[in-house]
Amino acid sequence: GTVVYRDHDLSVYDDSALTRYRREHV
């Protein structure tokens, strides 16, 4: 399945991208 934050598909993010997402948005 998919989970999209605004226009970013979190379900295909790697660890580095998820870390950046957490740091900047959550």
mmCIF file of all heavy atoms, coordinates in Angstrom:
data_MODEL
# 
_entry.id   MODEL 
# 
loop_
_atom_site.group_PDB 
_atom_site.id 
_atom_site.type_symbol 
_atom_site.label_atom_id 
_atom_site.label_alt_id 
_atom_site.label_comp_id 
_atom_site.label_asym_id 
_atom_site.label_entity_id 
_atom_site.label_seq_id 
_atom_site.pdbx_PDB_ins_code 
_atom_site.Cartn_x 
_atom_site.Cartn_y 
_atom_site.Cartn_z 
_atom_site.occupancy 
_atom_site.B_iso_or_equiv 
_atom_site.pdbx_formal_charge 
_atom_site.auth_seq_id 
_atom_site.auth_comp_id 
_atom_site.auth_asym_id 
_atom_site.auth_atom_id 
_atom_site.pdbx_PDB_model_num 
ATOM 1   N N   . GLY A 1 1  ? 0.822  -1.195 0.000  1.00 0.00 ? 1  GLY A N   1 
ATOM 2   C CA  . GLY A 1 1  ? 0.000  0.000  0.000  1.00 0.00 ? 1  GLY A CA  1 
ATOM 3   C C   . GLY A 1 1  ? 0.862  1.253  0.000  1.00 0.00 ? 1  GLY A C   1 
ATOM 4   O O   . GLY A 1 1  ? 2.096  1.184  -0.010 1.00 0.00 ? 1  GLY A O   1 
ATOM 5   N N   . THR A 1 2  ? 0.206  2.415  -0.003 1.00 0.00 ? 2  THR A N   1 
ATOM 6   C CA  . THR A 1 2  ? 0.934  3.680  -0.079 1.00 0.00 ? 2  THR A CA  1 
ATOM 7   C C   . THR A 1 2  ? 0.451  4.632  1.011  1.00 0.00 ? 2  THR A C   1 
ATOM 8   O O   . THR A 1 2  ? -0.711 4.617  1.414  1.00 0.00 ? 2  THR A O   1 
ATOM 9   C CB  . THR A 1 2  ? 0.737  4.372  -1.440 1.00 0.00 ? 2  THR A CB  1 
ATOM 10  O OG1 . THR A 1 2  ? -0.666 4.605  -1.649 1.00 0.00 ? 2  THR A OG1 1 
ATOM 11  C CG2 . THR A 1 2  ? 1.291  3.529  -2.567 1.00 0.00 ? 2  THR A CG2 1 
ATOM 12  N N   . VAL A 1 3  ? 1.364  5.475  1.473  1.00 0.00 ? 3  VAL A N   1 
ATOM 13  C CA  . VAL A 1 3  ? 1.012  6.589  2.345  1.00 0.00 ? 3  VAL A CA  1 
ATOM 14  C C   . VAL A 1 3  ? 1.783  7.802  1.830  1.00 0.00 ? 3  VAL A C   1 
ATOM 15  O O   . VAL A 1 3  ? 3.006  7.785  1.733  1.00 0.00 ? 3  VAL A O   1 
ATOM 16  C CB  . VAL A 1 3  ? 1.321  6.295  3.828  1.00 0.00 ? 3  VAL A CB  1 
ATOM 17  C CG1 . VAL A 1 3  ? 2.782  5.932  4.049  1.00 0.00 ? 3  VAL A CG1 1 
ATOM 18  C CG2 . VAL A 1 3  ? 0.925  7.486  4.690  1.00 0.00 ? 3  VAL A CG2 1 
ATOM 19  N N   . VAL A 1 4  ? 1.021  8.823  1.455  1.00 0.00 ? 4  VAL A N   1 
ATOM 20  C CA  . VAL A 1 4  ? 1.596  10.020 0.846  1.00 0.00 ? 4  VAL A CA  1 
ATOM 21  C C   . VAL A 1 4  ? 1.450  11.186 1.810  1.00 0.00 ? 4  VAL A C   1 
ATOM 22  O O   . VAL A 1 4  ? 0.347  11.459 2.304  1.00 0.00 ? 4  VAL A O   1 
ATOM 23  C CB  . VAL A 1 4  ? 0.901  10.342 -0.498 1.00 0.00 ? 4  VAL A CB  1 
ATOM 24  C CG1 . VAL A 1 4  ? 1.440  11.639 -1.091 1.00 0.00 ? 4  VAL A CG1 1 
ATOM 25  C CG2 . VAL A 1 4  ? 1.092  9.180  -1.475 1.00 0.00 ? 4  VAL A CG2 1 
ATOM 26  N N   . TYR A 1 5  ? 2.573  11.854 2.087  1.00 0.00 ? 5  TYR A N   1 
ATOM 27  C CA  . TYR A 1 5  ? 2.555  13.086 2.869  1.00 0.00 ? 5  TYR A CA  1 
ATOM 28  C C   . TYR A 1 5  ? 2.658  14.234 1.869  1.00 0.00 ? 5  TYR A C   1 
ATOM 29  O O   . TYR A 1 5  ? 3.681  14.395 1.203  1.00 0.00 ? 5  TYR A O   1 
ATOM 30  C CB  . TYR A 1 5  ? 3.721  13.136 3.848  1.00 0.00 ? 5  TYR A CB  1 
ATOM 31  C CG  . TYR A 1 5  ? 3.924  14.494 4.477  1.00 0.00 ? 5  TYR A CG  1 
ATOM 32  C CD1 . TYR A 1 5  ? 3.053  14.962 5.457  1.00 0.00 ? 5  TYR A CD1 1 
ATOM 33  C CD2 . TYR A 1 5  ? 4.964  15.322 4.065  1.00 0.00 ? 5  TYR A CD2 1 
ATOM 34  C CE1 . TYR A 1 5  ? 3.221  16.215 6.010  1.00 0.00 ? 5  TYR A CE1 1 
ATOM 35  C CE2 . TYR A 1 5  ? 5.141  16.575 4.624  1.00 0.00 ? 5  TYR A CE2 1 
ATOM 36  C CZ  . TYR A 1 5  ? 4.263  17.020 5.596  1.00 0.00 ? 5  TYR A CZ  1 
ATOM 37  O OH  . TYR A 1 5  ? 4.429  18.268 6.134  1.00 0.00 ? 5  TYR A OH  1 
ATOM 38  N N   . ARG A 1 6  ? 1.578  14.995 1.754  1.00 0.00 ? 6  ARG A N   1 
ATOM 39  C CA  . ARG A 1 6  ? 1.475  16.033 0.719  1.00 0.00 ? 6  ARG A CA  1 
ATOM 40  C C   . ARG A 1 6  ? 1.783  15.382 -0.629 1.00 0.00 ? 6  ARG A C   1 
ATOM 41  O O   . ARG A 1 6  ? 1.019  14.567 -1.097 1.00 0.00 ? 6  ARG A O   1 
ATOM 42  C CB  . ARG A 1 6  ? 2.342  17.233 1.066  1.00 0.00 ? 6  ARG A CB  1 
ATOM 43  C CG  . ARG A 1 6  ? 1.902  17.892 2.402  1.00 0.00 ? 6  ARG A CG  1 
ATOM 44  C CD  . ARG A 1 6  ? 2.546  19.233 2.632  1.00 0.00 ? 6  ARG A CD  1 
ATOM 45  N NE  . ARG A 1 6  ? 2.199  19.774 3.939  1.00 0.00 ? 6  ARG A NE  1 
ATOM 46  C CZ  . ARG A 1 6  ? 1.096  20.484 4.203  1.00 0.00 ? 6  ARG A CZ  1 
ATOM 47  N NH1 . ARG A 1 6  ? 0.239  20.738 3.241  1.00 0.00 ? 6  ARG A NH1 1 
ATOM 48  N NH2 . ARG A 1 6  ? 0.862  20.947 5.425  1.00 0.00 ? 6  ARG A NH2 1 
ATOM 49  N N   . ASP A 1 7  ? 2.918  15.674 -1.250 1.00 0.00 ? 7  ASP A N   1 
ATOM 50  C CA  . ASP A 1 7  ? 3.200  15.027 -2.542 1.00 0.00 ? 7  ASP A CA  1 
ATOM 51  C C   . ASP A 1 7  ? 4.390  14.078 -2.438 1.00 0.00 ? 7  ASP A C   1 
ATOM 52  O O   . ASP A 1 7  ? 5.014  13.733 -3.435 1.00 0.00 ? 7  ASP A O   1 
ATOM 53  C CB  . ASP A 1 7  ? 3.442  16.071 -3.635 1.00 0.00 ? 7  ASP A CB  1 
ATOM 54  C CG  . ASP A 1 7  ? 4.575  17.023 -3.290 1.00 0.00 ? 7  ASP A CG  1 
ATOM 55  O OD1 . ASP A 1 7  ? 5.016  17.033 -2.128 1.00 0.00 ? 7  ASP A OD1 1 
ATOM 56  O OD2 . ASP A 1 7  ? 5.018  17.773 -4.183 1.00 0.00 ? 7  ASP A OD2 1 
ATOM 57  N N   . HIS A 1 8  ? 4.677  13.618 -1.213 1.00 0.00 ? 8  HIS A N   1 
ATOM 58  C CA  . HIS A 1 8  ? 5.815  12.723 -0.991 1.00 0.00 ? 8  HIS A CA  1 
ATOM 59  C C   . HIS A 1 8  ? 5.329  11.333 -0.600 1.00 0.00 ? 8  HIS A C   1 
ATOM 60  O O   . HIS A 1 8  ? 4.637  11.173 0.413  1.00 0.00 ? 8  HIS A O   1 
ATOM 61  C CB  . HIS A 1 8  ? 6.726  13.279 0.114  1.00 0.00 ? 8  HIS A CB  1 
ATOM 62  C CG  . HIS A 1 8  ? 7.217  14.668 -0.147 1.00 0.00 ? 8  HIS A CG  1 
ATOM 63  N ND1 . HIS A 1 8  ? 8.226  14.947 -1.054 1.00 0.00 ? 8  HIS A ND1 1 
ATOM 64  C CD2 . HIS A 1 8  ? 6.832  15.868 0.368  1.00 0.00 ? 8  HIS A CD2 1 
ATOM 65  C CE1 . HIS A 1 8  ? 8.448  16.255 -1.073 1.00 0.00 ? 8  HIS A CE1 1 
ATOM 66  N NE2 . HIS A 1 8  ? 7.610  16.834 -0.229 1.00 0.00 ? 8  HIS A NE2 1 
ATOM 67  N N   . ASP A 1 9  ? 5.679  10.338 -1.394 1.00 0.00 ? 9  ASP A N   1 
ATOM 68  C CA  . ASP A 1 9  ? 5.267  8.963  -1.125 1.00 0.00 ? 9  ASP A CA  1 
ATOM 69  C C   . ASP A 1 9  ? 6.229  8.349  -0.109 1.00 0.00 ? 9  ASP A C   1 
ATOM 70  O O   . ASP A 1 9  ? 7.326  7.896  -0.463 1.00 0.00 ? 9  ASP A O   1 
ATOM 71  C CB  . ASP A 1 9  ? 5.255  8.158  -2.429 1.00 0.00 ? 9  ASP A CB  1 
ATOM 72  C CG  . ASP A 1 9  ? 4.677  6.757  -2.246 1.00 0.00 ? 9  ASP A CG  1 
ATOM 73  O OD1 . ASP A 1 9  ? 4.445  6.349  -1.078 1.00 0.00 ? 9  ASP A OD1 1 
ATOM 74  O OD2 . ASP A 1 9  ? 4.452  6.070  -3.260 1.00 0.00 ? 9  ASP A OD2 1 
ATOM 75  N N   . LEU A 1 10 ? 5.816  8.321  1.150  1.00 0.00 ? 10 LEU A N   1 
ATOM 76  C CA  . LEU A 1 10 ? 6.681  7.814  2.209  1.00 0.00 ? 10 LEU A CA  1 
ATOM 77  C C   . LEU A 1 10 ? 6.945  6.326  2.078  1.00 0.00 ? 10 LEU A C   1 
ATOM 78  O O   . LEU A 1 10 ? 7.953  5.820  2.585  1.00 0.00 ? 10 LEU A O   1 
ATOM 79  C CB  . LEU A 1 10 ? 6.048  8.086  3.583  1.00 0.00 ? 10 LEU A CB  1 
ATOM 80  C CG  . LEU A 1 10 ? 5.719  9.540  3.928  1.00 0.00 ? 10 LEU A CG  1 
ATOM 81  C CD1 . LEU A 1 10 ? 5.119  9.617  5.327  1.00 0.00 ? 10 LEU A CD1 1 
ATOM 82  C CD2 . LEU A 1 10 ? 6.957  10.427 3.822  1.00 0.00 ? 10 LEU A CD2 1 
ATOM 83  N N   . SER A 1 11 ? 6.049  5.619  1.403  1.00 0.00 ? 11 SER A N   1 
ATOM 84  C CA  . SER A 1 11 ? 6.172  4.163  1.326  1.00 0.00 ? 11 SER A CA  1 
ATOM 85  C C   . SER A 1 11 ? 7.350  3.713  0.457  1.00 0.00 ? 11 SER A C   1 
ATOM 86  O O   . SER A 1 11 ? 7.728  2.542  0.495  1.00 0.00 ? 11 SER A O   1 
ATOM 87  C CB  . SER A 1 11 ? 4.868  3.536  0.819  1.00 0.00 ? 11 SER A CB  1 
ATOM 88  O OG  . SER A 1 11 ? 4.365  4.222  -0.300 1.00 0.00 ? 11 SER A OG  1 
ATOM 89  N N   . VAL A 1 12 ? 7.944  4.639  -0.301 1.00 0.00 ? 12 VAL A N   1 
ATOM 90  C CA  . VAL A 1 12 ? 9.109  4.267  -1.126 1.00 0.00 ? 12 VAL A CA  1 
ATOM 91  C C   . VAL A 1 12 ? 10.386 4.938  -0.627 1.00 0.00 ? 12 VAL A C   1 
ATOM 92  O O   . VAL A 1 12 ? 11.443 4.777  -1.222 1.00 0.00 ? 12 VAL A O   1 
ATOM 93  C CB  . VAL A 1 12 ? 8.872  4.625  -2.611 1.00 0.00 ? 12 VAL A CB  1 
ATOM 94  C CG1 . VAL A 1 12 ? 7.670  3.861  -3.150 1.00 0.00 ? 12 VAL A CG1 1 
ATOM 95  C CG2 . VAL A 1 12 ? 8.694  6.127  -2.813 1.00 0.00 ? 12 VAL A CG2 1 
ATOM 96  N N   . TYR A 1 13 ? 10.298 5.666  0.483  1.00 0.00 ? 13 TYR A N   1 
ATOM 97  C CA  . TYR A 1 13 ? 11.472 6.362  1.030  1.00 0.00 ? 13 TYR A CA  1 
ATOM 98  C C   . TYR A 1 13 ? 12.453 5.358  1.646  1.00 0.00 ? 13 TYR A C   1 
ATOM 99  O O   . TYR A 1 13 ? 12.041 4.389  2.293  1.00 0.00 ? 13 TYR A O   1 
ATOM 100 C CB  . TYR A 1 13 ? 11.051 7.355  2.108  1.00 0.00 ? 13 TYR A CB  1 
ATOM 101 C CG  . TYR A 1 13 ? 10.712 8.741  1.602  1.00 0.00 ? 13 TYR A CG  1 
ATOM 102 C CD1 . TYR A 1 13 ? 10.475 8.986  0.258  1.00 0.00 ? 13 TYR A CD1 1 
ATOM 103 C CD2 . TYR A 1 13 ? 10.635 9.809  2.484  1.00 0.00 ? 13 TYR A CD2 1 
ATOM 104 C CE1 . TYR A 1 13 ? 10.160 10.253 -0.190 1.00 0.00 ? 13 TYR A CE1 1 
ATOM 105 C CE2 . TYR A 1 13 ? 10.326 11.090 2.052  1.00 0.00 ? 13 TYR A CE2 1 
ATOM 106 C CZ  . TYR A 1 13 ? 10.090 11.315 0.706  1.00 0.00 ? 13 TYR A CZ  1 
ATOM 107 O OH  . TYR A 1 13 ? 9.793  12.571 0.274  1.00 0.00 ? 13 TYR A OH  1 
ATOM 108 N N   . ASP A 1 14 ? 13.745 5.635  1.482  1.00 0.00 ? 14 ASP A N   1 
ATOM 109 C CA  . ASP A 1 14 ? 14.756 4.850  2.184  1.00 0.00 ? 14 ASP A CA  1 
ATOM 110 C C   . ASP A 1 14 ? 14.992 5.456  3.571  1.00 0.00 ? 14 ASP A C   1 
ATOM 111 O O   . ASP A 1 14 ? 14.376 6.459  3.940  1.00 0.00 ? 14 ASP A O   1 
ATOM 112 C CB  . ASP A 1 14 ? 16.057 4.781  1.382  1.00 0.00 ? 14 ASP A CB  1 
ATOM 113 C CG  . ASP A 1 14 ? 16.685 6.144  1.107  1.00 0.00 ? 14 ASP A CG  1 
ATOM 114 O OD1 . ASP A 1 14 ? 16.329 7.138  1.797  1.00 0.00 ? 14 ASP A OD1 1 
ATOM 115 O OD2 . ASP A 1 14 ? 17.547 6.231  0.224  1.00 0.00 ? 14 ASP A OD2 1 
ATOM 116 N N   . ASP A 1 15 ? 15.874 4.844  4.352  1.00 0.00 ? 15 ASP A N   1 
ATOM 117 C CA  . ASP A 1 15 ? 16.092 5.286  5.732  1.00 0.00 ? 15 ASP A CA  1 
ATOM 118 C C   . ASP A 1 15 ? 16.544 6.735  5.803  1.00 0.00 ? 15 ASP A C   1 
ATOM 119 O O   . ASP A 1 15 ? 16.117 7.495  6.687  1.00 0.00 ? 15 ASP A O   1 
ATOM 120 C CB  . ASP A 1 15 ? 17.128 4.393  6.416  1.00 0.00 ? 15 ASP A CB  1 
ATOM 121 C CG  . ASP A 1 15 ? 16.587 3.003  6.737  1.00 0.00 ? 15 ASP A CG  1 
ATOM 122 O OD1 . ASP A 1 15 ? 15.347 2.833  6.705  1.00 0.00 ? 15 ASP A OD1 1 
ATOM 123 O OD2 . ASP A 1 15 ? 17.393 2.096  7.017  1.00 0.00 ? 15 ASP A OD2 1 
ATOM 124 N N   . SER A 1 16 ? 17.397 7.139  4.894  1.00 0.00 ? 16 SER A N   1 
ATOM 125 C CA  . SER A 1 16 ? 17.905 8.510  4.906  1.00 0.00 ? 16 SER A CA  1 
ATOM 126 C C   . SER A 1 16 ? 16.790 9.516  4.648  1.00 0.00 ? 16 SER A C   1 
ATOM 127 O O   . SER A 1 16 ? 16.691 10.550 5.329  1.00 0.00 ? 16 SER A O   1 
ATOM 128 C CB  . SER A 1 16 ? 19.015 8.664  3.856  1.00 0.00 ? 16 SER A CB  1 
ATOM 129 O OG  . SER A 1 16 ? 19.469 9.996  3.784  1.00 0.00 ? 16 SER A OG  1 
ATOM 130 N N   . ALA A 1 17 ? 15.942 9.214  3.677  1.00 0.00 ? 17 ALA A N   1 
ATOM 131 C CA  . ALA A 1 17 ? 14.838 10.116 3.343  1.00 0.00 ? 17 ALA A CA  1 
ATOM 132 C C   . ALA A 1 17 ? 13.819 10.172 4.474  1.00 0.00 ? 17 ALA A C   1 
ATOM 133 O O   . ALA A 1 17 ? 13.266 11.238 4.781  1.00 0.00 ? 17 ALA A O   1 
ATOM 134 C CB  . ALA A 1 17 ? 14.171 9.670  2.043  1.00 0.00 ? 17 ALA A CB  1 
ATOM 135 N N   . LEU A 1 18 ? 13.562 9.041  5.119  1.00 0.00 ? 18 LEU A N   1 
ATOM 136 C CA  . LEU A 1 18 ? 12.626 9.027  6.248  1.00 0.00 ? 18 LEU A CA  1 
ATOM 137 C C   . LEU A 1 18 ? 13.180 9.821  7.428  1.00 0.00 ? 18 LEU A C   1 
ATOM 138 O O   . LEU A 1 18 ? 12.436 10.524 8.122  1.00 0.00 ? 18 LEU A O   1 
ATOM 139 C CB  . LEU A 1 18 ? 12.337 7.589  6.676  1.00 0.00 ? 18 LEU A CB  1 
ATOM 140 C CG  . LEU A 1 18 ? 11.434 6.773  5.747  1.00 0.00 ? 18 LEU A CG  1 
ATOM 141 C CD1 . LEU A 1 18 ? 11.351 5.326  6.205  1.00 0.00 ? 18 LEU A CD1 1 
ATOM 142 C CD2 . LEU A 1 18 ? 10.038 7.385  5.662  1.00 0.00 ? 18 LEU A CD2 1 
ATOM 143 N N   . THR A 1 19 ? 14.473 9.730  7.669  1.00 0.00 ? 19 THR A N   1 
ATOM 144 C CA  . THR A 1 19 ? 15.095 10.515 8.743  1.00 0.00 ? 19 THR A CA  1 
ATOM 145 C C   . THR A 1 19 ? 14.930 12.003 8.470  1.00 0.00 ? 19 THR A C   1 
ATOM 146 O O   . THR A 1 19 ? 14.594 12.784 9.371  1.00 0.00 ? 19 THR A O   1 
ATOM 147 C CB  . THR A 1 19 ? 16.591 10.171 8.865  1.00 0.00 ? 19 THR A CB  1 
ATOM 148 O OG1 . THR A 1 19 ? 16.719 8.789  9.221  1.00 0.00 ? 19 THR A OG1 1 
ATOM 149 C CG2 . THR A 1 19 ? 17.264 11.025 9.925  1.00 0.00 ? 19 THR A CG2 1 
ATOM 150 N N   . ARG A 1 20 ? 15.148 12.402 7.242  1.00 0.00 ? 20 ARG A N   1 
ATOM 151 C CA  . ARG A 1 20 ? 15.003 13.817 6.872  1.00 0.00 ? 20 ARG A CA  1 
ATOM 152 C C   . ARG A 1 20 ? 13.541 14.267 7.015  1.00 0.00 ? 20 ARG A C   1 
ATOM 153 O O   . ARG A 1 20 ? 13.266 15.367 7.509  1.00 0.00 ? 20 ARG A O   1 
ATOM 154 C CB  . ARG A 1 20 ? 15.492 14.028 5.440  1.00 0.00 ? 20 ARG A CB  1 
ATOM 155 C CG  . ARG A 1 20 ? 15.548 15.490 5.006  1.00 0.00 ? 20 ARG A CG  1 
ATOM 156 C CD  . ARG A 1 20 ? 16.339 15.653 3.725  1.00 0.00 ? 20 ARG A CD  1 
ATOM 157 N NE  . ARG A 1 20 ? 15.771 14.880 2.620  1.00 0.00 ? 20 ARG A NE  1 
ATOM 158 C CZ  . ARG A 1 20 ? 16.337 13.769 2.122  1.00 0.00 ? 20 ARG A CZ  1 
ATOM 159 N NH1 . ARG A 1 20 ? 17.472 13.311 2.637  1.00 0.00 ? 20 ARG A NH1 1 
ATOM 160 N NH2 . ARG A 1 20 ? 15.781 13.119 1.124  1.00 0.00 ? 20 ARG A NH2 1 
ATOM 161 N N   . TYR A 1 21 ? 12.620 13.400 6.621  1.00 0.00 ? 21 TYR A N   1 
ATOM 162 C CA  . TYR A 1 21 ? 11.191 13.700 6.768  1.00 0.00 ? 21 TYR A CA  1 
ATOM 163 C C   . TYR A 1 21 ? 10.822 13.901 8.232  1.00 0.00 ? 21 TYR A C   1 
ATOM 164 O O   . TYR A 1 21 ? 10.158 14.878 8.599  1.00 0.00 ? 21 TYR A O   1 
ATOM 165 C CB  . TYR A 1 21 ? 10.373 12.556 6.151  1.00 0.00 ? 21 TYR A CB  1 
ATOM 166 C CG  . TYR A 1 21 ? 8.942  12.486 6.606  1.00 0.00 ? 21 TYR A CG  1 
ATOM 167 C CD1 . TYR A 1 21 ? 8.013  13.443 6.206  1.00 0.00 ? 21 TYR A CD1 1 
ATOM 168 C CD2 . TYR A 1 21 ? 8.510  11.457 7.450  1.00 0.00 ? 21 TYR A CD2 1 
ATOM 169 C CE1 . TYR A 1 21 ? 6.693  13.378 6.622  1.00 0.00 ? 21 TYR A CE1 1 
ATOM 170 C CE2 . TYR A 1 21 ? 7.191  11.387 7.863  1.00 0.00 ? 21 TYR A CE2 1 
ATOM 171 C CZ  . TYR A 1 21 ? 6.296  12.346 7.454  1.00 0.00 ? 21 TYR A CZ  1 
ATOM 172 O OH  . TYR A 1 21 ? 4.988  12.286 7.881  1.00 0.00 ? 21 TYR A OH  1 
ATOM 173 N N   . ARG A 1 22 ? 11.279 13.000 9.097  1.00 0.00 ? 22 ARG A N   1 
ATOM 174 C CA  . ARG A 1 22 ? 10.981 13.125 10.528 1.00 0.00 ? 22 ARG A CA  1 
ATOM 175 C C   . ARG A 1 22 ? 11.573 14.406 11.101 1.00 0.00 ? 22 ARG A C   1 
ATOM 176 O O   . ARG A 1 22 ? 10.919 15.105 11.881 1.00 0.00 ? 22 ARG A O   1 
ATOM 177 C CB  . ARG A 1 22 ? 11.529 11.913 11.297 1.00 0.00 ? 22 ARG A CB  1 
ATOM 178 C CG  . ARG A 1 22 ? 10.849 10.600 10.994 1.00 0.00 ? 22 ARG A CG  1 
ATOM 179 C CD  . ARG A 1 22 ? 11.234 9.533  12.004 1.00 0.00 ? 22 ARG A CD  1 
ATOM 180 N NE  . ARG A 1 22 ? 12.669 9.287  12.034 1.00 0.00 ? 22 ARG A NE  1 
ATOM 181 C CZ  . ARG A 1 22 ? 13.289 8.365  11.310 1.00 0.00 ? 22 ARG A CZ  1 
ATOM 182 N NH1 . ARG A 1 22 ? 12.593 7.600  10.478 1.00 0.00 ? 22 ARG A NH1 1 
ATOM 183 N NH2 . ARG A 1 22 ? 14.588 8.180  11.422 1.00 0.00 ? 22 ARG A NH2 1 
ATOM 184 N N   . ARG A 1 23 ? 12.782 14.706 10.731 1.00 0.00 ? 23 ARG A N   1 
ATOM 185 C CA  . ARG A 1 23 ? 13.473 15.869 11.290 1.00 0.00 ? 23 ARG A CA  1 
ATOM 186 C C   . ARG A 1 23 ? 12.820 17.175 10.853 1.00 0.00 ? 23 ARG A C   1 
ATOM 187 O O   . ARG A 1 23 ? 12.699 18.112 11.643 1.00 0.00 ? 23 ARG A O   1 
ATOM 188 C CB  . ARG A 1 23 ? 14.946 15.854 10.870 1.00 0.00 ? 23 ARG A CB  1 
ATOM 189 C CG  . ARG A 1 23 ? 15.754 16.979 11.504 1.00 0.00 ? 23 ARG A CG  1 
ATOM 190 C CD  . ARG A 1 23 ? 17.238 16.838 11.203 1.00 0.00 ? 23 ARG A CD  1 
ATOM 191 N NE  . ARG A 1 23 ? 17.524 16.897 9.784  1.00 0.00 ? 23 ARG A NE  1 
ATOM 192 C CZ  . ARG A 1 23 ? 18.054 15.913 9.069  1.00 0.00 ? 23 ARG A CZ  1 
ATOM 193 N NH1 . ARG A 1 23 ? 18.370 14.762 9.657  1.00 0.00 ? 23 ARG A NH1 1 
ATOM 194 N NH2 . ARG A 1 23 ? 18.288 16.051 7.777  1.00 0.00 ? 23 ARG A NH2 1 
ATOM 195 N N   . GLU A 1 24 ? 12.352 17.232 9.619  1.00 0.00 ? 24 GLU A N   1 
ATOM 196 C CA  . GLU A 1 24 ? 11.879 18.496 9.055  1.00 0.00 ? 24 GLU A CA  1 
ATOM 197 C C   . GLU A 1 24 ? 10.377 18.714 9.192  1.00 0.00 ? 24 GLU A C   1 
ATOM 198 O O   . GLU A 1 24 ? 9.924  19.863 9.177  1.00 0.00 ? 24 GLU A O   1 
ATOM 199 C CB  . GLU A 1 24 ? 12.281 18.582 7.577  1.00 0.00 ? 24 GLU A CB  1 
ATOM 200 C CG  . GLU A 1 24 ? 13.788 18.622 7.369  1.00 0.00 ? 24 GLU A CG  1 
ATOM 201 C CD  . GLU A 1 24 ? 14.168 18.681 5.896  1.00 0.00 ? 24 GLU A CD  1 
ATOM 202 O OE1 . GLU A 1 24 ? 13.246 18.631 5.030  1.00 0.00 ? 24 GLU A OE1 1 
ATOM 203 O OE2 . GLU A 1 24 ? 15.380 18.753 5.606  1.00 0.00 ? 24 GLU A OE2 1 
ATOM 204 N N   . HIS A 1 25 ? 9.596  17.649 9.334  1.00 0.00 ? 25 HIS A N   1 
ATOM 205 C CA  . HIS A 1 25 ? 8.143  17.806 9.227  1.00 0.00 ? 25 HIS A CA  1 
ATOM 206 C C   . HIS A 1 25 ? 7.321  17.316 10.418 1.00 0.00 ? 25 HIS A C   1 
ATOM 207 O O   . HIS A 1 25 ? 6.161  17.717 10.554 1.00 0.00 ? 25 HIS A O   1 
ATOM 208 C CB  . HIS A 1 25 ? 7.631  17.079 7.971  1.00 0.00 ? 25 HIS A CB  1 
ATOM 209 C CG  . HIS A 1 25 ? 8.231  17.574 6.702  1.00 0.00 ? 25 HIS A CG  1 
ATOM 210 N ND1 . HIS A 1 25 ? 7.875  18.782 6.127  1.00 0.00 ? 25 HIS A ND1 1 
ATOM 211 C CD2 . HIS A 1 25 ? 9.197  17.044 5.901  1.00 0.00 ? 25 HIS A CD2 1 
ATOM 212 C CE1 . HIS A 1 25 ? 8.577  18.959 5.014  1.00 0.00 ? 25 HIS A CE1 1 
ATOM 213 N NE2 . HIS A 1 25 ? 9.380  17.931 4.857  1.00 0.00 ? 25 HIS A NE2 1 
ATOM 214 N N   . VAL A 1 26 ? 7.884  16.447 11.273 1.00 0.00 ? 26 VAL A N   1 
ATOM 215 C CA  . VAL A 1 26 ? 7.066  15.747 12.268 1.00 0.00 ? 26 VAL A CA  1 
ATOM 216 C C   . VAL A 1 26 ? 7.573  15.995 13.688 1.00 0.00 ? 26 VAL A C   1 
ATOM 217 O O   . VAL A 1 26 ? 8.779  15.947 13.948 1.00 0.00 ? 26 VAL A O   1 
ATOM 218 C CB  . VAL A 1 26 ? 7.060  14.224 11.999 1.00 0.00 ? 26 VAL A CB  1 
ATOM 219 C CG1 . VAL A 1 26 ? 6.121  13.517 12.976 1.00 0.00 ? 26 VAL A CG1 1 
ATOM 220 C CG2 . VAL A 1 26 ? 6.642  13.929 10.563 1.00 0.00 ? 26 VAL A CG2 1 
# 
